[in-house]
Amino acid sequence: MAVSVTVKRKPHHDLKAIQTRFDSVHDLEITTTALRSARSLGFSLEEVVEVVRALEHGDFVKSETAHHPRNPRCWHDTYVTSFDGLDLYLKFAGETLTDIVLTSFKEQ
């Protein structure tokens, strides 16, 4: 059975609000998987914050609802950016700005 996912080409979450929310290492909400991926690429938590702070609106790729498990209220905003010579893929997920988490941080 195919899982229906809603996709849109406009960010669900406001980028400036995300950057404000992820302003320091102490404020960083990151999954274990994203943390492992960042560390395997040689990034410290401070550098992860730098990458998030450097994101621009033009780095946005897509926004889609969660599909595993399916949750039409949880939106994933995907960004691709270059940082220190690497093309990075970042995904933020959450139903609201206050519960947003960095779920992916990997090389594209």
N, C-alpha and C. Protein backbone atom coordinates (compact mmCIF):
# COMPACT_ATOMS: atom_id res chain seq x y z
N MET A 1 0.83 -1.17 0.00
CA MET A 1 0.00 0.00 0.00
C MET A 1 0.89 1.25 0.00
N ALA A 2 0.68 2.14 -0.93
CA ALA A 2 1.47 3.35 -1.05
C ALA A 2 1.07 4.35 0.03
N VAL A 3 2.06 5.05 0.55
CA VAL A 3 1.82 6.07 1.55
C VAL A 3 1.67 7.41 0.85
N SER A 4 0.61 8.10 1.14
CA SER A 4 0.36 9.41 0.54
C SER A 4 1.10 10.48 1.34
N VAL A 5 1.92 11.25 0.64
CA VAL A 5 2.69 12.32 1.26
C VAL A 5 2.33 13.62 0.55
N THR A 6 2.08 14.65 1.30
CA THR A 6 1.83 15.97 0.73
C THR A 6 3.16 16.68 0.57
N VAL A 7 3.42 17.20 -0.63
CA VAL A 7 4.68 17.90 -0.92
C VAL A 7 4.33 19.31 -1.40
N LYS A 8 5.09 20.28 -0.92
CA LYS A 8 4.92 21.64 -1.42
C LYS A 8 6.28 22.27 -1.65
N ARG A 9 6.33 23.26 -2.48
CA ARG A 9 7.58 23.92 -2.88
C ARG A 9 7.82 25.21 -2.10
N LYS A 10 7.13 25.36 -0.99
CA LYS A 10 7.29 26.52 -0.12
C LYS A 10 7.56 26.00 1.29
N PRO A 11 8.52 26.57 2.00
CA PRO A 11 8.82 26.07 3.36
C PRO A 11 7.60 26.13 4.27
N HIS A 12 7.44 25.11 5.07
CA HIS A 12 6.37 25.10 6.06
C HIS A 12 6.78 25.95 7.27
N HIS A 13 8.04 25.84 7.65
CA HIS A 13 8.58 26.56 8.80
C HIS A 13 9.36 27.78 8.31
N ASP A 14 9.28 28.86 9.03
CA ASP A 14 9.98 30.08 8.69
C ASP A 14 11.49 29.91 8.97
N LEU A 15 12.31 30.10 7.94
CA LEU A 15 13.75 29.88 8.07
C LEU A 15 14.37 30.78 9.13
N LYS A 16 14.02 32.05 9.16
CA LYS A 16 14.59 32.95 10.17
C LYS A 16 14.22 32.50 11.59
N ALA A 17 13.02 32.00 11.76
CA ALA A 17 12.61 31.50 13.07
C ALA A 17 13.39 30.23 13.44
N ILE A 18 13.65 29.37 12.45
CA ILE A 18 14.48 28.18 12.70
C ILE A 18 15.87 28.62 13.12
N GLN A 19 16.44 29.57 12.40
CA GLN A 19 17.80 30.02 12.72
C GLN A 19 17.85 30.67 14.10
N THR A 20 16.82 31.37 14.48
CA THR A 20 16.76 31.95 15.82
C THR A 20 16.65 30.84 16.86
N ARG A 21 15.83 29.85 16.55
CA ARG A 21 15.63 28.71 17.46
C ARG A 21 16.92 27.90 17.63
N PHE A 22 17.74 27.80 16.59
CA PHE A 22 18.98 27.03 16.62
C PHE A 22 20.18 27.97 16.73
N ASP A 23 20.07 28.96 17.61
CA ASP A 23 21.06 30.02 17.70
C ASP A 23 22.36 29.59 18.38
N SER A 24 22.33 28.55 19.18
CA SER A 24 23.54 28.10 19.87
C SER A 24 23.50 26.58 20.06
N VAL A 25 24.62 26.04 20.46
CA VAL A 25 24.71 24.59 20.70
C VAL A 25 23.70 24.18 21.77
N HIS A 26 23.47 25.02 22.77
CA HIS A 26 22.55 24.70 23.85
C HIS A 26 21.10 24.62 23.36
N ASP A 27 20.81 25.34 22.27
CA ASP A 27 19.45 25.36 21.73
C ASP A 27 19.24 24.33 20.62
N LEU A 28 20.30 23.65 20.23
CA LEU A 28 20.26 22.74 19.09
C LEU A 28 19.44 21.50 19.43
N GLU A 29 18.37 21.29 18.68
CA GLU A 29 17.55 20.08 18.78
C GLU A 29 17.94 19.22 17.59
N ILE A 30 18.59 18.10 17.83
CA ILE A 30 19.12 17.27 16.76
C ILE A 30 18.93 15.80 17.10
N THR A 31 18.53 15.02 16.11
CA THR A 31 18.36 13.58 16.35
C THR A 31 19.72 12.91 16.44
N THR A 32 19.74 11.73 17.02
CA THR A 32 20.98 10.96 17.13
C THR A 32 21.53 10.64 15.75
N THR A 33 20.66 10.31 14.80
CA THR A 33 21.10 10.00 13.44
C THR A 33 21.76 11.21 12.79
N ALA A 34 21.16 12.38 12.91
CA ALA A 34 21.74 13.59 12.33
C ALA A 34 23.06 13.94 13.01
N LEU A 35 23.13 13.74 14.32
CA LEU A 35 24.36 14.01 15.06
C LEU A 35 25.49 13.08 14.61
N ARG A 36 25.18 11.81 14.47
CA ARG A 36 26.19 10.84 13.99
C ARG A 36 26.68 11.21 12.59
N SER A 37 25.74 11.56 11.72
CA SER A 37 26.11 11.93 10.35
C SER A 37 27.00 13.17 10.34
N ALA A 38 26.64 14.17 11.13
CA ALA A 38 27.45 15.39 11.20
C ALA A 38 28.85 15.08 11.71
N ARG A 39 28.94 14.29 12.75
CA ARG A 39 30.26 13.93 13.31
C ARG A 39 31.08 13.11 12.33
N SER A 40 30.43 12.22 11.57
CA SER A 40 31.16 11.41 10.59
C SER A 40 31.73 12.27 9.47
N LEU A 41 31.11 13.44 9.24
CA LEU A 41 31.62 14.39 8.25
C LEU A 41 32.66 15.33 8.85
N GLY A 42 32.90 15.19 10.16
CA GLY A 42 33.90 16.02 10.84
C GLY A 42 33.36 17.31 11.41
N PHE A 43 32.03 17.43 11.53
CA PHE A 43 31.42 18.65 12.05
C PHE A 43 31.22 18.57 13.56
N SER A 44 31.59 19.64 14.24
CA SER A 44 31.29 19.78 15.67
C SER A 44 29.87 20.35 15.79
N LEU A 45 29.34 20.36 17.00
CA LEU A 45 28.02 20.95 17.20
C LEU A 45 28.04 22.45 16.87
N GLU A 46 29.13 23.11 17.18
CA GLU A 46 29.26 24.53 16.85
C GLU A 46 29.18 24.75 15.34
N GLU A 47 29.80 23.85 14.59
CA GLU A 47 29.77 23.96 13.13
C GLU A 47 28.39 23.63 12.56
N VAL A 48 27.67 22.72 13.19
CA VAL A 48 26.29 22.43 12.77
C VAL A 48 25.45 23.70 12.93
N VAL A 49 25.61 24.39 14.04
CA VAL A 49 24.90 25.64 14.27
C VAL A 49 25.30 26.66 13.19
N GLU A 50 26.59 26.73 12.86
CA GLU A 50 27.06 27.65 11.81
C GLU A 50 26.37 27.36 10.47
N VAL A 51 26.26 26.07 10.13
CA VAL A 51 25.62 25.68 8.88
C VAL A 51 24.16 26.13 8.89
N VAL A 52 23.45 25.86 9.97
CA VAL A 52 22.04 26.25 10.07
C VAL A 52 21.92 27.78 9.95
N ARG A 53 22.79 28.50 10.64
CA ARG A 53 22.74 29.97 10.61
C ARG A 53 23.06 30.52 9.22
N ALA A 54 23.82 29.76 8.41
CA ALA A 54 24.21 30.22 7.07
C ALA A 54 23.19 29.87 5.99
N LEU A 55 22.17 29.09 6.33
CA LEU A 55 21.17 28.72 5.32
C LEU A 55 20.50 29.97 4.76
N GLU A 56 20.18 29.90 3.48
CA GLU A 56 19.47 30.98 2.80
C GLU A 56 18.20 30.43 2.18
N HIS A 57 17.26 31.31 1.88
CA HIS A 57 15.98 30.88 1.30
C HIS A 57 16.19 30.09 0.00
N GLY A 58 17.21 30.44 -0.77
CA GLY A 58 17.48 29.74 -2.02
C GLY A 58 17.98 28.32 -1.83
N ASP A 59 18.35 27.94 -0.60
CA ASP A 59 18.81 26.57 -0.31
C ASP A 59 17.63 25.61 -0.12
N PHE A 60 16.43 26.15 0.02
CA PHE A 60 15.24 25.33 0.24
C PHE A 60 14.97 24.45 -0.98
N VAL A 61 14.60 23.18 -0.72
CA VAL A 61 14.29 22.23 -1.79
C VAL A 61 12.80 21.88 -1.80
N LYS A 62 12.28 21.41 -0.66
CA LYS A 62 10.88 21.01 -0.61
C LYS A 62 10.43 20.86 0.84
N SER A 63 9.13 20.82 1.00
CA SER A 63 8.51 20.55 2.29
C SER A 63 7.52 19.41 2.07
N GLU A 64 7.54 18.45 2.97
CA GLU A 64 6.61 17.32 2.84
C GLU A 64 6.19 16.82 4.20
N THR A 65 5.02 16.19 4.23
CA THR A 65 4.54 15.63 5.48
C THR A 65 5.30 14.35 5.78
N ALA A 66 5.36 14.04 7.06
CA ALA A 66 6.06 12.82 7.50
C ALA A 66 5.38 11.60 6.91
N HIS A 67 6.20 10.64 6.48
CA HIS A 67 5.62 9.44 5.88
C HIS A 67 6.02 8.16 6.59
N HIS A 68 6.92 8.24 7.57
CA HIS A 68 7.30 7.02 8.29
C HIS A 68 7.63 7.36 9.73
N PRO A 69 6.70 7.30 10.66
CA PRO A 69 5.30 6.96 10.45
C PRO A 69 4.54 8.15 9.85
N ARG A 70 3.47 7.85 9.16
CA ARG A 70 2.67 8.87 8.50
C ARG A 70 2.08 9.82 9.53
N ASN A 71 2.30 11.12 9.31
CA ASN A 71 1.73 12.14 10.18
C ASN A 71 1.50 13.40 9.35
N PRO A 72 0.29 13.67 8.96
CA PRO A 72 0.00 14.83 8.11
C PRO A 72 0.20 16.17 8.82
N ARG A 73 0.40 16.16 10.13
CA ARG A 73 0.63 17.41 10.87
C ARG A 73 2.11 17.72 11.03
N CYS A 74 2.97 16.75 10.78
CA CYS A 74 4.42 16.94 10.93
C CYS A 74 5.05 17.21 9.56
N TRP A 75 5.62 18.40 9.41
CA TRP A 75 6.22 18.80 8.14
C TRP A 75 7.73 18.74 8.20
N HIS A 76 8.33 18.24 7.12
CA HIS A 76 9.78 18.16 6.97
C HIS A 76 10.21 19.16 5.90
N ASP A 77 11.03 20.14 6.29
CA ASP A 77 11.58 21.10 5.33
C ASP A 77 13.00 20.69 5.00
N THR A 78 13.30 20.56 3.71
CA THR A 78 14.60 20.10 3.24
C THR A 78 15.38 21.25 2.61
N TYR A 79 16.65 21.32 2.97
CA TYR A 79 17.56 22.33 2.43
C TYR A 79 18.83 21.64 1.94
N VAL A 80 19.41 22.16 0.87
CA VAL A 80 20.71 21.71 0.38
C VAL A 80 21.59 22.95 0.27
N THR A 81 22.76 22.88 0.87
CA THR A 81 23.66 24.02 0.90
C THR A 81 25.11 23.57 0.80
N SER A 82 25.97 24.47 0.38
CA SER A 82 27.41 24.19 0.35
C SER A 82 28.05 24.84 1.56
N PHE A 83 28.94 24.11 2.20
CA PHE A 83 29.64 24.62 3.38
C PHE A 83 30.99 23.95 3.46
N ASP A 84 32.04 24.73 3.48
CA ASP A 84 33.42 24.22 3.53
C ASP A 84 33.68 23.16 2.46
N GLY A 85 33.18 23.40 1.26
CA GLY A 85 33.44 22.52 0.14
C GLY A 85 32.57 21.28 0.06
N LEU A 86 31.63 21.14 0.96
CA LEU A 86 30.72 19.98 0.95
C LEU A 86 29.31 20.44 0.60
N ASP A 87 28.60 19.63 -0.18
CA ASP A 87 27.18 19.85 -0.42
C ASP A 87 26.43 19.09 0.65
N LEU A 88 25.72 19.84 1.50
CA LEU A 88 25.05 19.25 2.65
C LEU A 88 23.54 19.24 2.47
N TYR A 89 22.93 18.19 3.01
CA TYR A 89 21.48 17.97 2.98
C TYR A 89 21.00 18.07 4.42
N LEU A 90 20.12 19.01 4.70
CA LEU A 90 19.57 19.18 6.04
C LEU A 90 18.06 19.07 5.98
N LYS A 91 17.51 18.43 6.98
CA LYS A 91 16.05 18.32 7.05
C LYS A 91 15.62 18.67 8.47
N PHE A 92 14.64 19.56 8.55
CA PHE A 92 14.04 19.96 9.82
C PHE A 92 12.63 19.41 9.86
N ALA A 93 12.21 18.88 11.01
CA ALA A 93 10.87 18.31 11.12
C ALA A 93 10.19 18.83 12.37
N GLY A 94 8.89 18.99 12.25
CA GLY A 94 8.11 19.39 13.41
C GLY A 94 6.71 19.82 13.04
N GLU A 95 5.84 19.75 14.03
CA GLU A 95 4.46 20.21 13.84
C GLU A 95 4.38 21.72 14.07
N THR A 96 5.20 22.22 14.97
CA THR A 96 5.23 23.65 15.28
C THR A 96 6.69 24.08 15.36
N LEU A 97 6.93 25.36 15.41
CA LEU A 97 8.29 25.86 15.52
C LEU A 97 8.93 25.45 16.84
N THR A 98 8.15 25.36 17.88
CA THR A 98 8.73 25.04 19.19
C THR A 98 9.17 23.59 19.31
N ASP A 99 8.68 22.72 18.44
CA ASP A 99 9.10 21.32 18.53
C ASP A 99 9.96 20.89 17.33
N ILE A 100 10.49 21.85 16.58
CA ILE A 100 11.25 21.50 15.38
C ILE A 100 12.61 20.90 15.75
N VAL A 101 12.99 19.88 14.97
CA VAL A 101 14.21 19.12 15.23
C VAL A 101 14.98 18.98 13.92
N LEU A 102 16.30 19.04 14.00
CA LEU A 102 17.14 18.75 12.85
C LEU A 102 17.25 17.24 12.75
N THR A 103 16.64 16.65 11.73
CA THR A 103 16.58 15.19 11.62
C THR A 103 17.60 14.62 10.65
N SER A 104 18.12 15.45 9.74
CA SER A 104 19.13 14.99 8.77
C SER A 104 20.20 16.04 8.62
N PHE A 105 21.44 15.58 8.62
CA PHE A 105 22.60 16.43 8.36
C PHE A 105 23.61 15.52 7.70
N LYS A 106 23.63 15.53 6.38
CA LYS A 106 24.52 14.59 5.69
C LYS A 106 24.99 15.19 4.38
N GLU A 107 25.99 14.54 3.81
CA GLU A 107 26.50 14.97 2.53
C GLU A 107 25.54 14.50 1.46
N GLN A 108 25.28 15.39 0.51
CA GLN A 108 24.33 15.03 -0.55
C GLN A 108 24.98 14.16 -1.56
